């Protein structure tokens, strides 16, 4: 669905995928005689061909592109930047928290490896957790593509061009939304997806402190409720026509999921790994990094809200329901 106004044209590029995401979306925006790309899909010929075709169908060339705006650093949002940056020296805007991974910063990657190795020990993940931390570290250390050659501009301001920049961390620490006030539409990255809830993932700060991802995610949803835009254009799935209502539903779903974790803890399941194995017996090993960081975000949330307490015994965290 292409959106037109007097000074703005929004051209969605939606690539169907066979997994739960349904599609990977990115957007060409012409506004006040400038041309922007918000997010950039996956670095694959399918995405590149769709992008070039969309430009051509609307009378543009690649050289017409003035800037790229990234909602966050995940590979299904930045992929084509590697190709575009090799051809054009145009600014690429991203929040500073996304830069260490995109640039393959060795010091940050090692700090992150040590951070997760320690966490996985405390969550009682044993040798498997350590092996997974090492696997992810090696993969990131040996990534062939980095953003070193990009013309990066850090998003540390409230506006860029005509877009209001809204920091919406939780799913990723660097996630931002781009809001066009006159159109009352927001490009919301992965904060909201129409057909499914989005996970919040624990990450370290630049200094190795643990971010409280679910608390951040909740605050980001509350920002959308307060903004109450007419439309949200998501990184996946369909256009969201009532974003504030969906955000409220997602907050309710978070509370329900937190209660399920609390119920398991009340039954005596006390360590992080045991809780995840109980909830995801197959996914625990298949997508360990995803489910363990999601679970930790809920455990942090329950602890911060006073619903649970934790005690460290022989280097392992044990959770119990708080006495009220």
Protein backbone atom coordinates (compact mmCIF):
# COMPACT_ATOMS: atom_id res chain seq x y z
CA UNK A 1 0.00 0.00 0.00
CA UNK A 2 1.73 3.16 -1.22
CA UNK A 3 0.80 6.28 0.77
CA UNK A 4 0.61 9.67 -0.93
CA UNK A 5 0.21 13.20 0.40
CA UNK A 6 1.09 16.58 -1.05
CA UNK A 7 4.74 16.41 0.04
CA UNK A 8 5.25 12.76 0.95
CA UNK A 9 5.19 9.35 -0.72
CA UNK A 10 5.72 6.17 1.32
CA UNK A 11 6.55 3.04 -0.67
CA UNK A 12 6.57 -0.18 1.39
CA UNK A 13 8.74 -3.07 0.24
CA UNK A 14 7.37 -6.26 1.78
CA UNK A 15 9.25 -9.51 1.24
CA UNK A 16 7.24 -12.61 2.29
CA UNK A 17 9.04 -15.10 4.52
CA UNK A 18 8.00 -18.59 5.56
CA UNK A 19 8.60 -18.13 9.29
CA UNK A 20 6.47 -16.55 12.01
CA UNK A 21 7.43 -13.01 10.95
CA UNK A 22 5.36 -13.40 7.72
CA UNK A 23 7.26 -10.62 5.97
CA UNK A 24 10.33 -8.41 6.23
CA UNK A 25 9.46 -4.80 5.47
CA UNK A 26 11.45 -1.71 4.62
CA UNK A 27 10.35 1.61 3.21
CA UNK A 28 11.27 4.16 0.56
CA UNK A 29 10.07 7.64 1.50
CA UNK A 30 10.06 10.68 -0.77
CA UNK A 31 9.51 13.81 1.28
CA UNK A 32 10.02 17.45 0.36
CA UNK A 33 12.11 16.46 -2.68
CA UNK A 34 14.42 14.18 -0.66
CA UNK A 35 14.52 10.39 -0.84
CA UNK A 36 15.06 8.17 2.21
CA UNK A 37 15.23 4.46 3.00
CA UNK A 38 13.97 3.34 6.39
CA UNK A 39 15.54 -0.03 7.20
CA UNK A 40 17.10 -2.21 4.55
CA UNK A 41 15.93 -5.82 4.75
CA UNK A 42 18.33 -8.74 4.35
CA UNK A 43 21.53 -8.74 2.32
CA UNK A 44 20.22 -11.07 -0.37
CA UNK A 45 19.48 -10.73 -4.08
CA UNK A 46 15.73 -11.11 -3.46
CA UNK A 47 15.71 -7.97 -1.33
CA UNK A 48 18.06 -6.04 -3.60
CA UNK A 49 16.00 -6.84 -6.69
CA UNK A 50 12.77 -5.79 -4.94
CA UNK A 51 14.38 -2.55 -3.78
CA UNK A 52 15.73 -1.64 -7.24
CA UNK A 53 12.40 -2.53 -8.87
CA UNK A 54 10.48 -0.34 -6.39
CA UNK A 55 12.80 2.58 -7.18
CA UNK A 56 12.34 2.11 -10.92
CA UNK A 57 8.56 1.69 -10.77
CA UNK A 58 8.27 5.04 -9.02
CA UNK A 59 10.69 6.88 -11.28
CA UNK A 60 13.76 6.89 -9.04
CA UNK A 61 17.34 5.75 -9.40
CA UNK A 62 19.68 4.55 -6.67
CA UNK A 63 21.63 7.79 -6.93
CA UNK A 64 18.51 9.69 -5.88
CA UNK A 65 18.76 8.25 -2.37
CA UNK A 66 19.76 10.92 0.16
CA UNK A 67 20.01 8.97 3.44
CA UNK A 68 19.27 5.69 5.19
CA UNK A 69 17.51 5.64 8.57
CA UNK A 70 17.79 2.43 10.61
CA UNK A 71 15.36 1.49 13.37
CA UNK A 72 17.88 -0.97 14.87
CA UNK A 73 20.90 -3.09 14.08
CA UNK A 74 19.36 -6.55 13.58
CA UNK A 75 20.45 -8.22 10.31
CA UNK A 76 16.94 -8.27 8.81
CA UNK A 77 16.87 -4.47 9.06
CA UNK A 78 20.33 -3.46 7.84
CA UNK A 79 21.17 -5.99 5.13
CA UNK A 80 21.11 -3.89 1.96
CA UNK A 81 23.11 -1.08 3.57
CA UNK A 82 26.24 -3.11 2.84
CA UNK A 83 25.45 -3.00 -0.90
CA UNK A 84 24.25 0.60 -0.97
CA UNK A 85 27.22 1.89 1.04
CA UNK A 86 29.59 0.24 -1.43
CA UNK A 87 27.98 2.28 -4.24
CA UNK A 88 26.96 5.55 -2.57
CA UNK A 89 28.55 7.70 0.12
CA UNK A 90 25.30 8.71 1.80
CA UNK A 91 24.68 9.09 5.55
CA UNK A 92 23.42 6.08 7.49
CA UNK A 93 21.63 7.08 10.70
CA UNK A 94 21.54 4.66 13.64
CA UNK A 95 21.42 4.89 17.42
CA UNK A 96 24.87 4.62 19.06
CA UNK A 97 23.98 1.37 20.85
CA UNK A 98 23.83 -0.40 17.49
CA UNK A 99 27.35 0.50 16.42
CA UNK A 100 29.61 -1.93 18.34
CA UNK A 101 27.95 -5.01 16.82
CA UNK A 102 27.66 -3.53 13.34
CA UNK A 103 31.30 -2.47 13.38
CA UNK A 104 32.47 -5.74 14.92
CA UNK A 105 34.17 -3.88 17.77
CA UNK A 106 36.44 -6.53 19.30
CA UNK A 107 36.56 -4.99 22.76
CA UNK A 108 32.76 -4.76 22.98
CA UNK A 109 32.27 -8.27 21.55
CA UNK A 110 34.64 -9.76 24.13
CA UNK A 111 32.94 -7.83 26.94
CA UNK A 112 29.58 -9.12 25.71
CA UNK A 113 30.92 -12.69 25.60
CA UNK A 114 32.13 -12.46 29.20
CA UNK A 115 28.86 -10.81 30.23
CA UNK A 116 26.72 -13.62 28.84
CA UNK A 117 29.09 -16.34 29.98
CA UNK A 118 28.71 -15.10 33.55
CA UNK A 119 24.92 -14.73 33.20
CA UNK A 120 24.50 -18.22 31.78
CA UNK A 121 26.47 -19.65 34.71
CA UNK A 122 24.20 -17.85 37.17
CA UNK A 123 21.14 -19.09 35.30
CA UNK A 124 22.44 -22.68 35.72
CA UNK A 125 22.96 -23.31 31.99
CA UNK A 126 26.14 -25.29 32.57
CA UNK A 127 28.55 -26.28 29.81
CA UNK A 128 25.88 -25.90 27.15
CA UNK A 129 25.39 -22.24 28.06
CA UNK A 130 29.14 -21.60 27.94
CA UNK A 131 29.40 -23.27 24.55
CA UNK A 132 26.56 -21.14 23.23
CA UNK A 133 28.16 -17.94 24.52
CA UNK A 134 31.41 -18.93 22.81
CA UNK A 135 29.62 -19.86 19.56
CA UNK A 136 27.86 -16.50 19.34
CA UNK A 137 31.08 -14.66 20.18
CA UNK A 138 33.01 -16.48 17.45
CA UNK A 139 30.27 -15.85 14.91
CA UNK A 140 30.27 -12.13 15.65
CA UNK A 141 34.05 -11.96 15.75
CA UNK A 142 34.31 -13.62 12.35
CA UNK A 143 31.46 -11.81 10.60
CA UNK A 144 32.57 -10.94 7.08
CA UNK A 145 30.50 -7.78 6.77
CA UNK A 146 30.95 -4.80 9.05
CA UNK A 147 29.82 -1.19 9.01
CA UNK A 148 33.34 0.24 9.20
CA UNK A 149 33.05 1.75 5.72
CA UNK A 150 29.57 3.21 6.20
CA UNK A 151 29.06 6.96 6.44
CA UNK A 152 27.54 6.57 9.90
CA UNK A 153 25.71 9.37 11.63
CA UNK A 154 24.76 8.66 15.25
CA UNK A 155 21.10 9.20 16.12
CA UNK A 156 21.60 11.17 19.31
CA UNK A 157 19.06 13.88 18.52
CA UNK A 158 15.29 14.26 18.70
CA UNK A 159 14.80 14.94 15.00
CA UNK A 160 16.49 13.93 11.76
CA UNK A 161 15.34 15.64 8.58
CA UNK A 162 11.54 15.90 9.10
CA UNK A 163 11.31 12.80 11.29
CA UNK A 164 10.89 12.87 15.06
CA UNK A 165 13.24 10.26 16.56
CA UNK A 166 11.77 8.28 19.46
CA UNK A 167 14.04 5.90 21.38
CA UNK A 168 12.07 2.66 21.93
CA UNK A 169 14.53 0.10 23.42
CA UNK A 170 13.64 -3.35 24.72
CA UNK A 171 13.65 -5.58 21.67
CA UNK A 172 17.03 -4.04 20.90
CA UNK A 173 18.86 -1.39 22.96
CA UNK A 174 19.33 0.83 19.92
CA UNK A 175 15.78 0.62 18.56
CA UNK A 176 14.19 3.89 17.51
CA UNK A 177 10.96 4.90 15.80
CA UNK A 178 10.62 7.61 13.16
CA UNK A 179 7.47 9.71 13.44
CA UNK A 180 5.98 12.08 10.85
CA UNK A 181 3.74 14.38 12.86
CA UNK A 182 1.87 15.92 9.93
CA UNK A 183 0.88 12.47 8.64
CA UNK A 184 0.53 10.98 12.15
CA UNK A 185 2.38 7.81 11.11
CA UNK A 186 5.27 6.10 12.86
CA UNK A 187 7.87 3.70 11.47
CA UNK A 188 8.10 1.51 14.53
CA UNK A 189 10.73 -1.12 13.75
CA UNK A 190 9.99 -4.28 15.73
CA UNK A 191 8.27 -2.65 18.69
CA UNK A 192 4.86 -3.70 17.38
CA UNK A 193 3.92 -6.49 14.99
CA UNK A 194 0.23 -6.88 14.21
CA UNK A 195 0.07 -10.68 14.34
CA UNK A 196 2.45 -11.54 17.19
CA UNK A 197 4.04 -10.28 20.38
CA UNK A 198 7.66 -9.12 20.29
CA UNK A 199 10.29 -10.31 22.77
CA UNK A 200 12.56 -8.08 24.82
CA UNK A 201 16.15 -9.30 24.96
CA UNK A 202 18.64 -8.74 27.76
CA UNK A 203 21.82 -7.00 26.57
CA UNK A 204 24.83 -5.35 28.23
CA UNK A 205 25.47 -1.62 28.22
CA UNK A 206 28.74 -0.30 26.79
CA UNK A 207 30.17 -0.78 30.29
CA UNK A 208 28.93 -4.33 30.85
CA UNK A 209 25.94 -3.56 33.05
CA UNK A 210 22.75 -5.54 32.48
CA UNK A 211 19.94 -3.64 30.77
CA UNK A 212 16.46 -4.33 32.08
CA UNK A 213 15.05 -5.08 28.65
CA UNK A 214 11.44 -5.83 29.54
CA UNK A 215 11.10 -2.69 31.61
CA UNK A 216 12.46 -0.75 28.63
CA UNK A 217 10.07 -2.54 26.29
CA UNK A 218 7.09 -1.68 28.47
CA UNK A 219 8.14 1.98 28.57
CA UNK A 220 8.48 1.95 24.77
CA UNK A 221 4.95 0.58 24.38
CA UNK A 222 3.71 3.30 26.72
CA UNK A 223 5.36 5.89 24.49
CA UNK A 224 3.31 4.62 21.55
CA UNK A 225 0.15 4.74 23.65
CA UNK A 226 0.88 8.35 24.57
CA UNK A 227 1.78 9.26 20.97
CA UNK A 228 -1.39 7.55 19.69
CA UNK A 229 -0.46 7.65 15.99
CA UNK A 230 -2.93 6.87 13.24
CA UNK A 231 -0.73 4.22 11.63
CA UNK A 232 2.38 2.24 12.54
CA UNK A 233 4.52 0.82 9.75
CA UNK A 234 6.24 -2.22 11.22
CA UNK A 235 9.34 -4.16 10.28
CA UNK A 236 7.17 -7.24 9.83
CA UNK A 237 3.59 -8.09 8.89
CA UNK A 238 0.85 -5.67 7.94
CA UNK A 239 0.31 -1.98 8.55
CA UNK A 240 -1.01 -1.42 12.10
CA UNK A 241 -4.11 0.77 12.01
CA UNK A 242 -4.62 1.30 15.74
CA UNK A 243 -1.11 1.15 17.24
CA UNK A 244 -2.07 2.48 20.69
CA UNK A 245 -4.76 -0.18 21.12
CA UNK A 246 -2.32 -2.91 20.04
CA UNK A 247 0.31 -1.55 22.43
CA UNK A 248 -2.16 -1.83 25.32
CA UNK A 249 -2.86 -5.45 24.33
CA UNK A 250 0.85 -6.17 24.30
CA UNK A 251 1.23 -4.72 27.81
CA UNK A 252 -1.60 -6.98 29.02
CA UNK A 253 0.09 -9.96 27.37
CA UNK A 254 3.35 -9.15 29.15
CA UNK A 255 1.57 -9.19 32.51
CA UNK A 256 -0.03 -12.54 31.70
CA UNK A 257 3.29 -14.05 30.65
CA UNK A 258 4.96 -12.71 33.80
CA UNK A 259 2.28 -14.44 35.87
CA UNK A 260 3.04 -17.73 34.12
CA UNK A 261 6.71 -17.41 35.10
CA UNK A 262 5.65 -16.55 38.65
CA UNK A 263 3.38 -19.59 38.79
CA UNK A 264 6.26 -21.89 37.84
CA UNK A 265 8.49 -20.31 40.49
CA UNK A 266 5.74 -20.78 43.09
CA UNK A 267 5.75 -24.48 42.17
CA UNK A 268 9.43 -24.72 43.06
CA UNK A 269 11.16 -24.31 39.70
CA UNK A 270 13.91 -22.00 40.84
CA UNK A 271 16.66 -21.54 38.25
CA UNK A 272 16.62 -19.77 34.91
CA UNK A 273 17.51 -22.82 32.85
CA UNK A 274 14.87 -24.97 34.56
CA UNK A 275 12.22 -22.34 33.90
CA UNK A 276 13.10 -22.12 30.21
CA UNK A 277 13.26 -25.90 29.79
CA UNK A 278 9.83 -26.15 31.39
CA UNK A 279 8.39 -23.55 29.00
CA UNK A 280 10.38 -24.49 25.90
CA UNK A 281 11.68 -28.08 26.11
CA UNK A 282 12.49 -28.18 22.37
CA UNK A 283 13.45 -24.55 21.84
CA UNK A 284 15.91 -24.54 24.75
CA UNK A 285 18.69 -26.02 22.65
CA UNK A 286 17.35 -25.01 19.24
CA UNK A 287 17.15 -21.24 19.90
CA UNK A 288 18.85 -21.02 23.29
CA UNK A 289 20.10 -17.44 22.96
CA UNK A 290 16.59 -16.19 22.17
CA UNK A 291 14.64 -17.98 24.88
CA UNK A 292 17.13 -17.56 27.73
CA UNK A 293 17.47 -13.79 27.21
CA UNK A 294 13.71 -13.43 26.93
CA UNK A 295 13.25 -15.39 30.17
CA UNK A 296 15.85 -13.30 31.98
CA UNK A 297 14.03 -10.12 30.96
CA UNK A 298 10.90 -11.47 32.71
CA UNK A 299 12.83 -12.59 35.79
CA UNK A 300 14.36 -9.12 36.08
CA UNK A 301 10.90 -7.61 35.71
CA UNK A 302 9.39 -9.86 38.38
CA UNK A 303 12.26 -9.06 40.72
CA UNK A 304 12.02 -5.30 40.13
CA UNK A 305 8.27 -5.34 40.76
CA UNK A 306 8.78 -7.22 44.04
CA UNK A 307 7.03 -10.41 42.90
CA UNK A 308 10.12 -12.60 43.29
CA UNK A 309 13.41 -12.63 45.13
CA UNK A 310 16.64 -14.33 44.14
CA UNK A 311 19.45 -15.83 46.18
CA UNK A 312 22.86 -16.81 44.84
CA UNK A 313 23.96 -20.26 45.99
CA UNK A 314 27.29 -21.63 44.76
CA UNK A 315 27.26 -19.16 41.88
CA UNK A 316 23.71 -19.95 40.73
CA UNK A 317 20.67 -17.73 41.10
CA UNK A 318 17.64 -19.34 42.73
CA UNK A 319 14.31 -17.53 42.46
CA UNK A 320 11.40 -17.75 44.88
CA UNK A 321 8.10 -15.93 45.19
CA UNK A 322 8.19 -13.00 47.58
CA UNK A 323 6.30 -13.32 50.82
CA UNK A 324 3.41 -10.81 50.90
